[in-house]
N, C-alpha and C. Protein backbone atom coordinates (compact mmCIF):
# COMPACT_ATOMS: atom_id res chain seq x y z
N MET A 1 0.82 -1.19 0.00
CA MET A 1 0.00 0.00 0.00
C MET A 1 0.86 1.26 0.00
N LEU A 2 2.01 1.22 0.64
CA LEU A 2 2.83 2.42 0.73
C LEU A 2 3.49 2.79 -0.59
N SER A 3 3.74 1.81 -1.46
CA SER A 3 4.42 2.13 -2.72
C SER A 3 3.44 2.45 -3.85
N GLN A 4 2.16 2.27 -3.61
CA GLN A 4 1.16 2.51 -4.65
C GLN A 4 0.84 4.01 -4.76
N ILE A 5 0.44 4.44 -5.95
CA ILE A 5 0.01 5.82 -6.17
C ILE A 5 -1.51 5.88 -6.07
N TYR A 6 -2.01 6.86 -5.34
CA TYR A 6 -3.44 7.09 -5.18
C TYR A 6 -3.77 8.49 -5.69
N TYR A 7 -5.04 8.71 -5.91
CA TYR A 7 -5.51 10.01 -6.38
C TYR A 7 -6.54 10.54 -5.40
N ILE A 8 -6.36 11.80 -5.02
CA ILE A 8 -7.25 12.44 -4.06
C ILE A 8 -7.80 13.70 -4.70
N VAL A 9 -8.93 14.14 -4.19
CA VAL A 9 -9.62 15.32 -4.73
C VAL A 9 -9.51 16.43 -3.70
N ARG A 10 -9.13 17.60 -4.19
CA ARG A 10 -8.91 18.76 -3.31
C ARG A 10 -9.62 19.98 -3.86
N SER A 11 -10.16 20.79 -2.97
CA SER A 11 -10.85 22.01 -3.36
C SER A 11 -9.86 23.09 -3.77
N LYS A 12 -10.14 23.74 -4.89
CA LYS A 12 -9.32 24.89 -5.31
C LYS A 12 -9.60 26.11 -4.44
N VAL A 13 -10.78 26.15 -3.84
CA VAL A 13 -11.21 27.32 -3.07
C VAL A 13 -10.52 27.40 -1.71
N ASP A 14 -10.60 26.32 -0.93
CA ASP A 14 -10.05 26.37 0.43
C ASP A 14 -8.99 25.32 0.73
N GLY A 15 -8.67 24.47 -0.24
CA GLY A 15 -7.62 23.47 -0.06
C GLY A 15 -8.03 22.23 0.71
N LYS A 16 -9.29 22.12 1.07
CA LYS A 16 -9.75 20.94 1.81
C LYS A 16 -9.91 19.76 0.87
N TYR A 17 -9.77 18.57 1.45
CA TYR A 17 -9.88 17.33 0.69
C TYR A 17 -11.32 16.83 0.67
N LEU A 18 -11.64 16.03 -0.34
CA LEU A 18 -12.94 15.40 -0.42
C LEU A 18 -12.97 14.24 0.56
N VAL A 19 -13.92 14.26 1.48
CA VAL A 19 -13.98 13.25 2.54
C VAL A 19 -15.39 12.68 2.65
N ALA A 20 -15.48 11.55 3.31
CA ALA A 20 -16.76 10.98 3.72
C ALA A 20 -16.83 11.15 5.23
N ARG A 21 -17.94 11.70 5.70
CA ARG A 21 -18.14 11.87 7.14
C ARG A 21 -19.19 10.86 7.60
N ILE A 22 -18.84 10.11 8.63
CA ILE A 22 -19.73 9.07 9.14
C ILE A 22 -20.13 9.44 10.57
N ASN A 23 -21.43 9.51 10.79
CA ASN A 23 -21.95 9.80 12.13
C ASN A 23 -21.91 8.52 12.96
N LYS A 24 -21.27 8.61 14.12
CA LYS A 24 -21.17 7.45 15.00
C LYS A 24 -22.35 7.40 15.97
N GLY A 25 -22.84 8.53 16.35
CA GLY A 25 -23.96 8.60 17.29
C GLY A 25 -24.33 10.06 17.52
N GLU A 26 -25.44 10.27 18.18
CA GLU A 26 -25.90 11.64 18.41
C GLU A 26 -24.95 12.44 19.30
N ASP A 27 -24.35 11.78 20.27
CA ASP A 27 -23.50 12.48 21.23
C ASP A 27 -22.05 12.62 20.76
N GLU A 28 -21.70 11.93 19.69
CA GLU A 28 -20.32 11.96 19.21
C GLU A 28 -20.23 12.73 17.91
N ARG A 29 -19.09 13.35 17.69
CA ARG A 29 -18.90 14.07 16.43
C ARG A 29 -18.58 13.06 15.32
N PRO A 30 -18.94 13.39 14.09
CA PRO A 30 -18.67 12.45 12.99
C PRO A 30 -17.18 12.27 12.75
N VAL A 31 -16.82 11.09 12.23
CA VAL A 31 -15.43 10.83 11.86
C VAL A 31 -15.30 11.02 10.36
N SER A 32 -14.11 11.44 9.93
CA SER A 32 -13.87 11.73 8.52
C SER A 32 -12.89 10.74 7.92
N TYR A 33 -13.20 10.29 6.73
CA TYR A 33 -12.34 9.40 5.96
C TYR A 33 -11.99 10.10 4.65
N LEU A 34 -10.72 10.16 4.34
CA LEU A 34 -10.25 10.75 3.10
C LEU A 34 -10.60 9.82 1.95
N LEU A 35 -11.31 10.35 0.93
CA LEU A 35 -11.65 9.53 -0.23
C LEU A 35 -10.45 9.45 -1.16
N VAL A 36 -10.05 8.25 -1.51
CA VAL A 36 -8.93 8.02 -2.42
C VAL A 36 -9.40 7.15 -3.57
N PHE A 37 -8.78 7.36 -4.70
CA PHE A 37 -9.15 6.67 -5.94
C PHE A 37 -7.91 5.97 -6.49
N PRO A 38 -8.08 4.76 -7.05
CA PRO A 38 -6.93 4.06 -7.60
C PRO A 38 -6.42 4.64 -8.92
N GLU A 39 -7.28 5.38 -9.63
CA GLU A 39 -6.90 5.96 -10.92
C GLU A 39 -7.40 7.39 -11.03
N ASN A 40 -6.68 8.21 -11.77
CA ASN A 40 -7.04 9.60 -11.99
C ASN A 40 -8.43 9.71 -12.63
N PHE A 41 -8.69 8.92 -13.66
CA PHE A 41 -9.96 9.02 -14.37
C PHE A 41 -11.14 8.61 -13.49
N GLU A 42 -10.92 7.77 -12.48
CA GLU A 42 -12.01 7.41 -11.57
C GLU A 42 -12.38 8.58 -10.67
N ALA A 43 -11.40 9.35 -10.24
CA ALA A 43 -11.68 10.55 -9.45
C ALA A 43 -12.47 11.56 -10.29
N LEU A 44 -12.06 11.73 -11.54
CA LEU A 44 -12.78 12.65 -12.43
C LEU A 44 -14.19 12.15 -12.70
N SER A 45 -14.37 10.85 -12.87
CA SER A 45 -15.71 10.28 -13.07
C SER A 45 -16.60 10.53 -11.86
N TYR A 46 -16.03 10.36 -10.67
CA TYR A 46 -16.77 10.60 -9.44
C TYR A 46 -17.26 12.05 -9.39
N LEU A 47 -16.36 12.98 -9.66
CA LEU A 47 -16.73 14.40 -9.65
C LEU A 47 -17.80 14.71 -10.69
N ASN A 48 -17.62 14.23 -11.89
CA ASN A 48 -18.56 14.52 -12.97
C ASN A 48 -19.93 13.88 -12.74
N THR A 49 -19.95 12.73 -12.07
CA THR A 49 -21.22 12.05 -11.80
C THR A 49 -21.97 12.65 -10.63
N HIS A 50 -21.27 12.97 -9.55
CA HIS A 50 -21.95 13.35 -8.31
C HIS A 50 -21.90 14.84 -7.99
N SER A 51 -21.12 15.59 -8.75
CA SER A 51 -21.06 17.04 -8.47
C SER A 51 -20.69 17.81 -9.74
N SER A 52 -21.36 17.50 -10.82
CA SER A 52 -20.99 18.10 -12.10
C SER A 52 -21.12 19.63 -12.10
N ASP A 53 -22.04 20.16 -11.30
CA ASP A 53 -22.22 21.61 -11.26
C ASP A 53 -21.09 22.35 -10.56
N VAL A 54 -20.31 21.67 -9.74
CA VAL A 54 -19.19 22.32 -9.03
C VAL A 54 -17.86 21.62 -9.29
N SER A 55 -17.80 20.70 -10.24
CA SER A 55 -16.58 19.92 -10.46
C SER A 55 -15.40 20.79 -10.88
N ASP A 56 -15.66 21.96 -11.44
CA ASP A 56 -14.56 22.86 -11.83
C ASP A 56 -13.88 23.50 -10.63
N ARG A 57 -14.43 23.32 -9.44
CA ARG A 57 -13.84 23.88 -8.22
C ARG A 57 -12.88 22.92 -7.52
N PHE A 58 -12.64 21.76 -8.16
CA PHE A 58 -11.79 20.74 -7.56
C PHE A 58 -10.67 20.34 -8.50
N ILE A 59 -9.58 19.85 -7.91
CA ILE A 59 -8.48 19.30 -8.69
C ILE A 59 -8.18 17.90 -8.17
N VAL A 60 -7.62 17.09 -9.03
CA VAL A 60 -7.22 15.74 -8.65
C VAL A 60 -5.70 15.74 -8.52
N GLU A 61 -5.22 15.25 -7.38
CA GLU A 61 -3.78 15.20 -7.10
C GLU A 61 -3.36 13.75 -6.92
N SER A 62 -2.16 13.44 -7.33
CA SER A 62 -1.62 12.10 -7.06
C SER A 62 -0.82 12.15 -5.76
N THR A 63 -0.80 11.03 -5.07
CA THR A 63 -0.07 10.94 -3.81
C THR A 63 0.40 9.51 -3.59
N SER A 64 1.51 9.37 -2.93
CA SER A 64 2.02 8.04 -2.59
C SER A 64 1.45 7.61 -1.24
N GLY A 65 1.65 6.35 -0.91
CA GLY A 65 1.20 5.85 0.38
C GLY A 65 1.86 6.56 1.55
N ASN A 66 3.13 6.91 1.41
CA ASN A 66 3.83 7.64 2.49
C ASN A 66 3.24 9.03 2.68
N GLN A 67 2.97 9.72 1.60
CA GLN A 67 2.37 11.05 1.69
C GLN A 67 0.96 10.96 2.25
N LEU A 68 0.25 9.91 1.88
CA LEU A 68 -1.12 9.70 2.34
C LEU A 68 -1.16 9.58 3.86
N LYS A 69 -0.22 8.87 4.41
CA LYS A 69 -0.14 8.70 5.87
C LYS A 69 0.06 10.06 6.55
N ALA A 70 0.90 10.90 5.98
CA ALA A 70 1.13 12.23 6.56
C ALA A 70 -0.13 13.10 6.47
N ILE A 71 -0.85 13.00 5.37
CA ILE A 71 -2.10 13.76 5.21
C ILE A 71 -3.12 13.32 6.25
N LEU A 72 -3.23 12.02 6.47
CA LEU A 72 -4.19 11.51 7.46
C LEU A 72 -3.87 12.05 8.86
N GLN A 73 -2.61 12.08 9.19
CA GLN A 73 -2.21 12.58 10.51
C GLN A 73 -2.42 14.08 10.62
N ARG A 74 -2.03 14.82 9.60
CA ARG A 74 -2.13 16.28 9.64
C ARG A 74 -3.57 16.76 9.75
N TRP A 75 -4.46 16.13 9.00
CA TRP A 75 -5.86 16.57 8.95
C TRP A 75 -6.75 15.80 9.92
N ASP A 76 -6.17 14.89 10.70
CA ASP A 76 -6.89 14.12 11.71
C ASP A 76 -8.03 13.29 11.11
N PHE A 77 -7.75 12.61 9.99
CA PHE A 77 -8.71 11.71 9.39
C PHE A 77 -8.64 10.36 10.08
N GLN A 78 -9.78 9.69 10.19
CA GLN A 78 -9.84 8.37 10.82
C GLN A 78 -9.15 7.32 9.96
N GLY A 79 -9.22 7.49 8.64
CA GLY A 79 -8.64 6.54 7.70
C GLY A 79 -8.96 6.97 6.29
N ILE A 80 -8.98 5.99 5.39
CA ILE A 80 -9.29 6.30 4.00
C ILE A 80 -10.56 5.59 3.57
N GLY A 81 -11.21 6.17 2.60
CA GLY A 81 -12.34 5.54 1.94
C GLY A 81 -11.89 5.25 0.51
N LEU A 82 -11.54 4.01 0.23
CA LEU A 82 -11.05 3.63 -1.09
C LEU A 82 -12.26 3.43 -2.01
N VAL A 83 -12.39 4.30 -2.99
CA VAL A 83 -13.53 4.26 -3.89
C VAL A 83 -13.30 3.15 -4.91
N LYS A 84 -14.11 2.10 -4.84
CA LYS A 84 -14.00 0.95 -5.73
C LYS A 84 -14.78 1.17 -7.02
N ASP A 85 -15.91 1.85 -6.94
CA ASP A 85 -16.73 2.14 -8.12
C ASP A 85 -17.22 3.57 -8.00
N PRO A 86 -16.72 4.49 -8.82
CA PRO A 86 -17.07 5.90 -8.68
C PRO A 86 -18.49 6.24 -9.12
N LEU A 87 -19.14 5.41 -9.89
CA LEU A 87 -20.46 5.73 -10.40
C LEU A 87 -21.57 5.39 -9.42
N ILE A 88 -21.42 4.33 -8.64
CA ILE A 88 -22.49 3.90 -7.74
C ILE A 88 -22.59 4.76 -6.47
N PRO A 89 -21.71 5.20 -5.73
CA PRO A 89 -20.33 4.77 -5.51
C PRO A 89 -20.26 3.62 -4.50
N ARG A 90 -19.24 2.84 -4.63
CA ARG A 90 -18.95 1.74 -3.71
C ARG A 90 -17.61 2.05 -3.07
N ILE A 91 -17.62 2.21 -1.74
CA ILE A 91 -16.44 2.67 -1.01
C ILE A 91 -16.08 1.66 0.08
N GLU A 92 -14.81 1.34 0.16
CA GLU A 92 -14.30 0.46 1.21
C GLU A 92 -13.55 1.33 2.22
N PHE A 93 -14.03 1.36 3.46
CA PHE A 93 -13.44 2.19 4.49
C PHE A 93 -12.37 1.41 5.24
N LEU A 94 -11.19 2.05 5.38
CA LEU A 94 -10.05 1.44 6.07
C LEU A 94 -9.56 2.40 7.14
N SER A 95 -9.54 1.97 8.38
CA SER A 95 -9.01 2.81 9.45
C SER A 95 -7.51 2.70 9.50
N MET A 96 -6.86 3.79 9.81
CA MET A 96 -5.40 3.82 9.87
C MET A 96 -4.95 4.10 11.28
């Protein structure tokens, strides 16, 4: 996993990453998972399918597994959401 290249989506406006927020309970704050894509075109497909009206406000960046670990720590993400199918979407959540 550390040597593989992943693709992440980032806002051009404020620099925040595209995440999935999962509510654990009413009394707890939601946890965030960074959405990662195995291919550049899958990230673009996700944006065009689910947010075509604002897709021009995002960029797709490549990152290595080592960089991904640093991003998770810096932004306090619970883990990653590996997008398996960008059209449905089907996401596999992995805690780090």
